[in-house]
């Protein structure tokens, strides 16, 4: 199908000006139109128009109050930690001891044994030493054995268990355990 020159029905693209070539005259008209706008620059994308961001809505009051409470709470906790470090340290160590961490269990036992930051209680101290000794902590093993030899209730049920714990501590480098092996256990006092 070919179009004759007599056919006056234009194609849709031609009607819309898509296939229309611009002439020099049209370019001059566009330049005159752009001169009307002070900031218009045809060399820039969007003709130099800069779209400014909309002004952000202010945050609701409850968000600002929550932020203030969090900041004040953090500062208060930091001051508490600074002035009551021993108390904070004990509670953190006690938490790790409850999770089963043997060095923490030994540390909590030492705190209870000497009354450092807590009320002195030999039975609770031996409880924590026993838990750490069951995991193979050498110092805790020595402390449980010595506590048993001094008559503190330590839940050592098997005969000779104190000797086994002191021997374990001595093998793992506890100097006092070597001394106890030589002096007390040699006389049969570890039975």
Protein backbone atom coordinates (compact mmCIF):
# COMPACT_ATOMS: atom_id res chain seq x y z
CA UNK A 1 0.00 0.00 0.00
CA UNK A 2 1.55 3.21 -1.10
CA UNK A 3 0.45 6.71 -0.44
CA UNK A 4 -0.23 9.05 -3.26
CA UNK A 5 0.61 12.69 -3.06
CA UNK A 6 -3.06 13.35 -3.56
CA UNK A 7 -3.88 11.53 -0.36
CA UNK A 8 -4.17 14.21 2.31
CA UNK A 9 -4.56 11.91 5.32
CA UNK A 10 -1.41 12.35 7.45
CA UNK A 11 0.10 9.55 9.47
CA UNK A 12 -0.40 9.76 13.24
CA UNK A 13 3.30 10.25 13.93
CA UNK A 14 3.45 13.12 11.49
CA UNK A 15 0.34 14.61 13.00
CA UNK A 16 1.90 14.54 16.45
CA UNK A 17 5.04 16.23 15.20
CA UNK A 18 7.25 13.27 15.95
CA UNK A 19 8.66 13.03 12.47
CA UNK A 20 8.77 16.72 12.03
CA UNK A 21 12.21 18.21 11.57
CA UNK A 22 12.80 21.47 13.34
CA UNK A 23 13.85 24.39 11.31
CA UNK A 24 16.21 27.20 12.18
CA UNK A 25 13.21 29.38 12.79
CA UNK A 26 11.86 26.99 15.44
CA UNK A 27 15.26 26.95 17.22
CA UNK A 28 15.26 30.75 17.36
CA UNK A 29 11.78 30.73 18.89
CA UNK A 30 12.91 28.27 21.58
CA UNK A 31 15.91 30.44 22.44
CA UNK A 32 13.67 33.47 22.81
CA UNK A 33 11.36 31.50 25.10
CA UNK A 34 14.30 30.42 27.26
CA UNK A 35 15.47 34.01 27.62
CA UNK A 36 12.23 34.75 29.42
CA UNK A 37 13.41 32.60 32.36
CA UNK A 38 16.42 33.91 34.26
CA UNK A 39 17.68 30.55 35.51
CA UNK A 40 16.99 28.58 32.36
CA UNK A 41 20.04 27.04 30.72
CA UNK A 42 19.37 24.75 27.75
CA UNK A 43 22.75 23.05 28.25
CA UNK A 44 21.76 21.64 31.64
CA UNK A 45 19.43 18.71 32.17
CA UNK A 46 15.88 19.85 32.89
CA UNK A 47 16.92 23.29 31.68
CA UNK A 48 18.52 24.25 34.94
CA UNK A 49 15.40 23.73 36.97
CA UNK A 50 16.33 22.51 40.43
CA UNK A 51 13.67 20.66 42.29
CA UNK A 52 14.02 21.46 45.96
CA UNK A 53 13.22 18.81 48.52
CA UNK A 54 10.07 19.25 50.44
CA UNK A 55 10.38 20.35 54.00
CA UNK A 56 10.46 17.32 56.27
CA UNK A 57 7.67 16.94 58.77
CA UNK A 58 8.80 17.44 62.35
CA UNK A 59 9.05 14.23 64.36
CA UNK A 60 6.20 13.48 66.73
CA UNK A 61 6.62 14.39 70.36
CA UNK A 62 6.69 10.77 71.53
CA UNK A 63 9.79 10.07 69.41
CA UNK A 64 11.64 13.05 70.87
CA UNK A 65 10.64 12.02 74.41
CA UNK A 66 11.79 8.44 73.76
CA UNK A 67 15.15 9.66 72.46
CA UNK A 68 15.60 11.87 75.53
CA UNK A 69 14.73 8.99 77.89
CA UNK A 70 17.22 6.68 76.14
CA UNK A 71 20.01 9.27 76.34
CA UNK A 72 19.31 10.06 80.00
CA UNK A 73 19.08 6.33 80.83
CA UNK A 74 22.39 5.62 79.11
CA UNK A 75 24.13 8.45 80.96
CA UNK A 76 22.63 7.31 84.27
CA UNK A 77 23.81 3.73 83.70
CA UNK A 78 27.30 4.98 82.79
CA UNK A 79 27.47 7.00 86.03
CA UNK A 80 26.21 4.02 88.04
CA UNK A 81 28.87 1.80 86.48
CA UNK A 82 31.54 4.38 87.27
CA UNK A 83 30.63 4.83 90.94
CA UNK A 84 29.52 1.25 91.72
CA UNK A 85 31.88 -0.74 89.51
CA UNK A 86 32.33 -3.62 91.99
CA UNK A 87 28.59 -4.16 92.23
CA UNK A 88 28.16 -4.10 88.43
CA UNK A 89 31.17 -6.40 87.99
CA UNK A 90 29.77 -8.91 90.47
CA UNK A 91 26.36 -9.03 88.78
CA UNK A 92 27.89 -9.48 85.32
CA UNK A 93 30.23 -12.20 86.60
CA UNK A 94 27.35 -13.86 88.43
CA UNK A 95 25.39 -13.91 85.16
CA UNK A 96 28.26 -15.65 83.38
CA UNK A 97 28.59 -18.07 86.30
CA UNK A 98 24.93 -19.03 85.94
CA UNK A 99 25.56 -19.67 82.24
CA UNK A 100 28.23 -22.22 83.23
CA UNK A 101 31.46 -20.32 82.56
CA UNK A 102 34.01 -21.94 84.94
CA UNK A 103 36.31 -18.90 85.53
CA UNK A 104 33.24 -16.82 86.38
CA UNK A 105 32.02 -19.50 88.78
CA UNK A 106 35.41 -19.48 90.49
CA UNK A 107 35.36 -15.66 90.69
CA UNK A 108 31.88 -15.66 92.25
CA UNK A 109 33.08 -18.28 94.75
CA UNK A 110 36.05 -16.06 95.66
CA UNK A 111 33.70 -13.10 96.18
CA UNK A 112 31.50 -15.10 98.56
CA UNK A 113 34.50 -16.65 100.33
CA UNK A 114 36.10 -13.28 101.13
CA UNK A 115 32.93 -11.18 101.31
CA UNK A 116 34.05 -8.81 98.55
CA UNK A 117 30.98 -6.82 97.55
CA UNK A 118 28.62 -9.47 98.94
CA UNK A 119 27.87 -10.97 102.32
CA UNK A 120 30.46 -13.56 103.33
CA UNK A 121 29.02 -17.08 102.96
CA UNK A 122 31.30 -20.12 102.87
CA UNK A 123 28.57 -22.56 101.85
CA UNK A 124 27.61 -20.56 98.75
CA UNK A 125 31.30 -20.07 97.96
CA UNK A 126 31.87 -23.84 98.07
CA UNK A 127 28.81 -24.36 95.87
CA UNK A 128 30.34 -22.15 93.14
CA UNK A 129 33.81 -23.66 93.60
CA UNK A 130 32.30 -27.15 93.22
CA UNK A 131 30.56 -26.15 89.97
CA UNK A 132 33.82 -24.76 88.56
CA UNK A 133 35.80 -27.79 89.81
CA UNK A 134 33.37 -30.13 88.04
CA UNK A 135 34.42 -28.40 84.81
CA UNK A 136 38.12 -28.87 85.59
CA UNK A 137 39.06 -25.43 86.93
CA UNK A 138 42.30 -26.09 88.92
CA UNK A 139 42.04 -23.25 91.47
CA UNK A 140 38.42 -24.08 92.17
CA UNK A 141 39.40 -27.73 92.66
CA UNK A 142 41.98 -26.70 95.23
CA UNK A 143 39.51 -24.40 97.02
CA UNK A 144 36.84 -27.12 97.25
CA UNK A 145 39.34 -29.63 98.62
CA UNK A 146 40.70 -27.20 101.21
CA UNK A 147 37.16 -26.20 102.20
CA UNK A 148 36.31 -29.88 102.68
CA UNK A 149 39.45 -30.43 104.78
CA UNK A 150 38.55 -27.43 106.95
CA UNK A 151 35.11 -28.85 107.67
CA UNK A 152 32.98 -26.67 105.42
CA UNK A 153 30.11 -28.56 103.77
CA UNK A 154 31.23 -28.97 100.16
CA UNK A 155 29.05 -31.83 98.84
CA UNK A 156 32.09 -34.10 98.36
CA UNK A 157 30.50 -37.50 98.85
CA UNK A 158 33.15 -39.93 97.65
CA UNK A 159 36.08 -40.79 99.92
CA UNK A 160 39.37 -39.66 98.43
CA UNK A 161 37.74 -37.02 96.25
CA UNK A 162 39.58 -34.24 98.11
CA UNK A 163 42.88 -35.99 97.32
CA UNK A 164 41.89 -36.29 93.65
CA UNK A 165 40.99 -32.57 93.46
CA UNK A 166 44.25 -31.47 95.11
CA UNK A 167 46.19 -33.75 92.76
CA UNK A 168 44.37 -32.22 89.76
CA UNK A 169 45.17 -28.70 90.98
CA UNK A 170 48.83 -29.62 91.54
CA UNK A 171 49.12 -31.04 88.00
CA UNK A 172 47.72 -27.80 86.59
CA UNK A 173 50.21 -25.51 88.31
CA UNK A 174 48.58 -24.43 91.57
CA UNK A 175 51.55 -23.98 93.93
CA UNK A 176 49.50 -24.24 97.11
CA UNK A 177 48.21 -27.62 95.91
CA UNK A 178 51.78 -28.94 95.65
CA UNK A 179 52.42 -27.77 99.19
CA UNK A 180 49.18 -29.41 100.42
CA UNK A 181 50.13 -32.67 98.68
CA UNK A 182 53.49 -32.71 100.46
CA UNK A 183 52.30 -31.67 103.91
CA UNK A 184 48.69 -32.77 104.37
CA UNK A 185 48.11 -35.62 101.94
CA UNK A 186 51.44 -37.29 102.76
CA UNK A 187 50.19 -37.70 106.36
CA UNK A 188 46.86 -39.14 105.15
CA UNK A 189 44.85 -36.00 105.84
CA UNK A 190 43.24 -35.89 102.37
CA UNK A 191 41.17 -39.05 102.87
